[in-house]
Amino acid sequence: MDIEKAASKNCEHLIEAFHEHVFTESYNRIKKCLDFLSEDEVWYSPNEHVNSIGNLILHLCGNAKQYILSGIGGKIDARKRQDEFDSVKTTNKAGLNQQLDELKEALIPVLSEIDAEKLNEVKKVQGFEKTVLAILIHVIEHFSYHTGQITFLVKFIKNIDTGYYAGVDLNITE
């Protein structure tokens, strides 16, 4: 396999990993967490230093729009980051789910245009200069990080096991 084909294949794997980790794993977990909660619990915060699940979802959507739609896709960056944290009960669970779905719909065309050559392009996002590769990694890890916070809050609020791995033997070593 020549270098160009290998680079192209690696790029495809990266975009597939983005879809798997963000649009499948994180989205499914966030949506499952929302299902466990009442409308009021979505906006619960145990103290002023912990964001509510509603705020975290707004923040994830704002961040991904800024980094991917604006940073990679060239759309105008109209993000007002602080609003993501200041908003309280601005939307219900259905609205938060809809924002996630609309984000996915908006991101897919931008992701589909990324090729191996584009991964090395440098973009300015949120005052930082990052390669497209670094932007994709950032959004994947950002979703993972905040999905963990959302999961923790649900477990804290409801005293439940989210059942992400129900029926799966995680002790297999092969």
Protein backbone atom coordinates (compact mmCIF):
# COMPACT_ATOMS: atom_id res chain seq x y z
CA MET A 1 0.00 0.00 0.00
CA ASP A 2 1.48 3.36 -0.93
CA ILE A 3 1.75 6.28 1.51
CA GLU A 4 -1.24 8.20 0.11
CA LYS A 5 -3.54 5.18 0.37
CA ALA A 6 -2.34 4.48 3.91
CA ALA A 7 -2.89 8.10 4.94
CA SER A 8 -6.35 8.05 3.40
CA LYS A 9 -7.22 4.82 5.22
CA ASN A 10 -5.96 6.27 8.53
CA CYS A 11 -8.11 9.36 7.99
CA GLU A 12 -11.14 7.16 7.37
CA HIS A 13 -10.40 5.29 10.61
CA LEU A 14 -10.17 8.58 12.50
CA ILE A 15 -13.53 9.79 11.21
CA GLU A 16 -15.03 6.38 12.03
CA ALA A 17 -13.59 6.65 15.56
CA PHE A 18 -15.12 10.13 15.89
CA HIS A 19 -18.53 8.75 14.90
CA GLU A 20 -18.15 5.81 17.29
CA HIS A 21 -16.94 7.78 20.32
CA VAL A 22 -19.05 10.91 19.92
CA PHE A 23 -22.17 10.05 17.94
CA THR A 24 -22.59 6.53 19.29
CA GLU A 25 -20.97 6.12 22.69
CA SER A 26 -21.28 9.63 24.14
CA TYR A 27 -24.63 10.43 22.54
CA ASN A 28 -26.18 7.14 23.69
CA ARG A 29 -24.91 7.65 27.22
CA ILE A 30 -26.05 11.27 27.41
CA LYS A 31 -29.49 10.39 26.06
CA LYS A 32 -29.78 7.44 28.45
CA CYS A 33 -28.85 9.75 31.32
CA LEU A 34 -31.51 12.24 30.27
CA ASP A 35 -34.08 9.43 30.30
CA PHE A 36 -33.32 8.72 33.97
CA LEU A 37 -33.96 12.32 35.02
CA SER A 38 -36.93 14.56 35.65
CA GLU A 39 -37.02 17.95 33.93
CA ASP A 40 -35.87 19.64 37.17
CA GLU A 41 -33.06 17.13 37.76
CA VAL A 42 -31.56 17.98 34.36
CA TRP A 43 -30.79 21.45 35.74
CA TYR A 44 -29.72 20.34 39.23
CA SER A 45 -26.32 21.43 40.48
CA PRO A 46 -25.03 20.40 43.92
CA ASN A 47 -23.09 23.66 44.29
CA GLU A 48 -21.92 26.73 42.38
CA HIS A 49 -18.78 24.96 41.10
CA VAL A 50 -20.56 22.04 39.43
CA ASN A 51 -22.42 22.49 36.15
CA SER A 52 -25.83 20.94 35.67
CA ILE A 53 -26.37 18.26 33.06
CA GLY A 54 -28.38 20.76 31.00
CA ASN A 55 -25.48 23.21 31.07
CA LEU A 56 -23.00 20.48 30.13
CA ILE A 57 -25.07 19.50 27.10
CA LEU A 58 -25.35 23.13 25.98
CA HIS A 59 -21.59 23.43 26.49
CA LEU A 60 -20.83 20.30 24.44
CA CYS A 61 -22.98 21.58 21.58
CA GLY A 62 -21.38 25.03 21.69
CA ASN A 63 -17.86 23.64 21.80
CA ALA A 64 -18.38 21.21 18.91
CA LYS A 65 -20.00 23.92 16.78
CA GLN A 66 -17.12 26.27 17.46
CA TYR A 67 -14.36 23.74 16.88
CA ILE A 68 -15.80 21.78 13.96
CA LEU A 69 -18.39 23.95 12.20
CA SER A 70 -16.41 27.17 12.58
CA GLY A 71 -12.85 25.92 13.04
CA ILE A 72 -12.85 23.25 10.35
CA GLY A 73 -15.97 24.11 8.34
CA GLY A 74 -15.37 27.87 8.13
CA LYS A 75 -18.80 28.90 9.45
CA ILE A 76 -19.07 32.16 11.39
CA ASP A 77 -18.23 31.65 15.06
CA ALA A 78 -21.19 33.09 16.96
CA ARG A 79 -20.60 31.16 20.17
CA LYS A 80 -21.31 32.89 23.46
CA ARG A 81 -19.57 30.39 25.72
CA GLN A 82 -20.62 31.87 29.05
CA ASP A 83 -24.29 31.58 28.08
CA GLU A 84 -23.88 27.80 28.07
CA PHE A 85 -23.15 27.94 31.80
CA ASP A 86 -25.48 30.80 32.75
CA SER A 87 -28.58 29.22 31.20
CA VAL A 88 -30.94 27.63 33.70
CA LYS A 89 -33.97 25.63 32.60
CA THR A 90 -33.84 27.26 29.17
CA THR A 91 -34.99 24.08 27.46
CA ASN A 92 -36.47 20.75 28.41
CA LYS A 93 -35.07 17.25 27.90
CA ALA A 94 -36.64 16.96 24.47
CA GLY A 95 -35.04 20.25 23.48
CA LEU A 96 -31.62 19.11 24.68
CA ASN A 97 -31.99 15.85 22.75
CA GLN A 98 -33.00 17.86 19.69
CA GLN A 99 -29.93 20.10 20.02
CA LEU A 100 -27.71 17.01 20.09
CA ASP A 101 -29.46 15.58 17.03
CA GLU A 102 -29.17 18.88 15.14
CA LEU A 103 -25.50 19.12 16.07
CA LYS A 104 -24.86 15.65 14.63
CA GLU A 105 -26.72 16.56 11.46
CA ALA A 106 -24.63 19.73 11.09
CA LEU A 107 -21.29 18.06 11.84
CA ILE A 108 -21.57 15.06 9.50
CA PRO A 109 -21.10 17.03 6.24
CA VAL A 110 -18.02 18.81 7.63
CA LEU A 111 -16.54 15.52 8.86
CA SER A 112 -17.19 13.88 5.49
CA GLU A 113 -15.06 16.52 3.75
CA ILE A 114 -11.96 15.80 5.84
CA ASP A 115 -9.21 13.94 4.03
CA ALA A 116 -5.66 13.00 5.00
CA GLU A 117 -4.22 16.23 3.61
CA LYS A 118 -6.68 18.39 5.52
CA LEU A 119 -5.73 16.78 8.86
CA ASN A 120 -2.50 18.79 8.86
CA GLU A 121 -4.13 22.15 8.12
CA VAL A 122 -3.82 24.65 10.95
CA LYS A 123 -6.98 26.43 12.06
CA LYS A 124 -7.52 29.13 14.65
CA VAL A 125 -10.20 28.19 17.18
CA GLN A 126 -11.00 29.91 20.47
CA GLY A 127 -7.71 31.80 20.21
CA PHE A 128 -5.65 28.64 19.72
CA GLU A 129 -3.91 27.43 16.57
CA LYS A 130 -4.63 23.73 16.11
CA THR A 131 -4.40 21.24 13.30
CA VAL A 132 -7.63 19.66 12.09
CA LEU A 133 -6.36 16.42 13.63
CA ALA A 134 -5.93 18.14 17.01
CA ILE A 135 -9.42 19.66 16.72
CA LEU A 136 -10.98 16.24 16.13
CA ILE A 137 -9.08 14.75 19.06
CA HIS A 138 -10.14 17.69 21.23
CA VAL A 139 -13.84 17.23 20.45
CA ILE A 140 -13.67 13.46 21.03
CA GLU A 141 -11.98 13.87 24.40
CA HIS A 142 -14.19 16.83 25.34
CA PHE A 143 -17.32 14.74 24.74
CA SER A 144 -15.85 11.85 26.70
CA TYR A 145 -14.86 14.06 29.62
CA HIS A 146 -18.24 15.75 29.97
CA THR A 147 -20.15 12.51 29.32
CA GLY A 148 -18.32 11.17 32.37
CA GLN A 149 -19.43 14.19 34.40
CA ILE A 150 -23.02 13.74 33.21
CA THR A 151 -22.87 10.05 34.17
CA PHE A 152 -21.49 10.88 37.60
CA LEU A 153 -24.24 13.42 38.24
CA VAL A 154 -26.94 10.93 37.24
CA LYS A 155 -25.46 8.30 39.56
CA PHE A 156 -25.24 10.91 42.32
CA ILE A 157 -28.78 12.25 41.84
CA LYS A 158 -30.54 8.91 41.28
CA ASN A 159 -28.27 6.45 43.15
CA ILE A 160 -28.36 4.06 40.20
CA ASP A 161 -26.13 2.04 37.95
CA THR A 162 -26.50 3.43 34.44
CA GLY A 163 -26.12 -0.07 33.00
CA TYR A 164 -23.83 0.98 30.17
CA TYR A 165 -22.19 -2.45 30.19
CA ALA A 166 -25.13 -4.57 31.34
CA GLY A 167 -24.73 -8.06 29.96
CA VAL A 168 -21.15 -7.49 28.82
CA ASP A 169 -18.28 -9.40 30.42
CA LEU A 170 -15.59 -6.79 30.90
CA ASN A 171 -13.21 -9.32 32.45
CA ILE A 172 -12.35 -10.96 29.14
CA THR A 173 -8.61 -10.62 28.60
CA GLU A 174 -8.27 -11.92 25.05
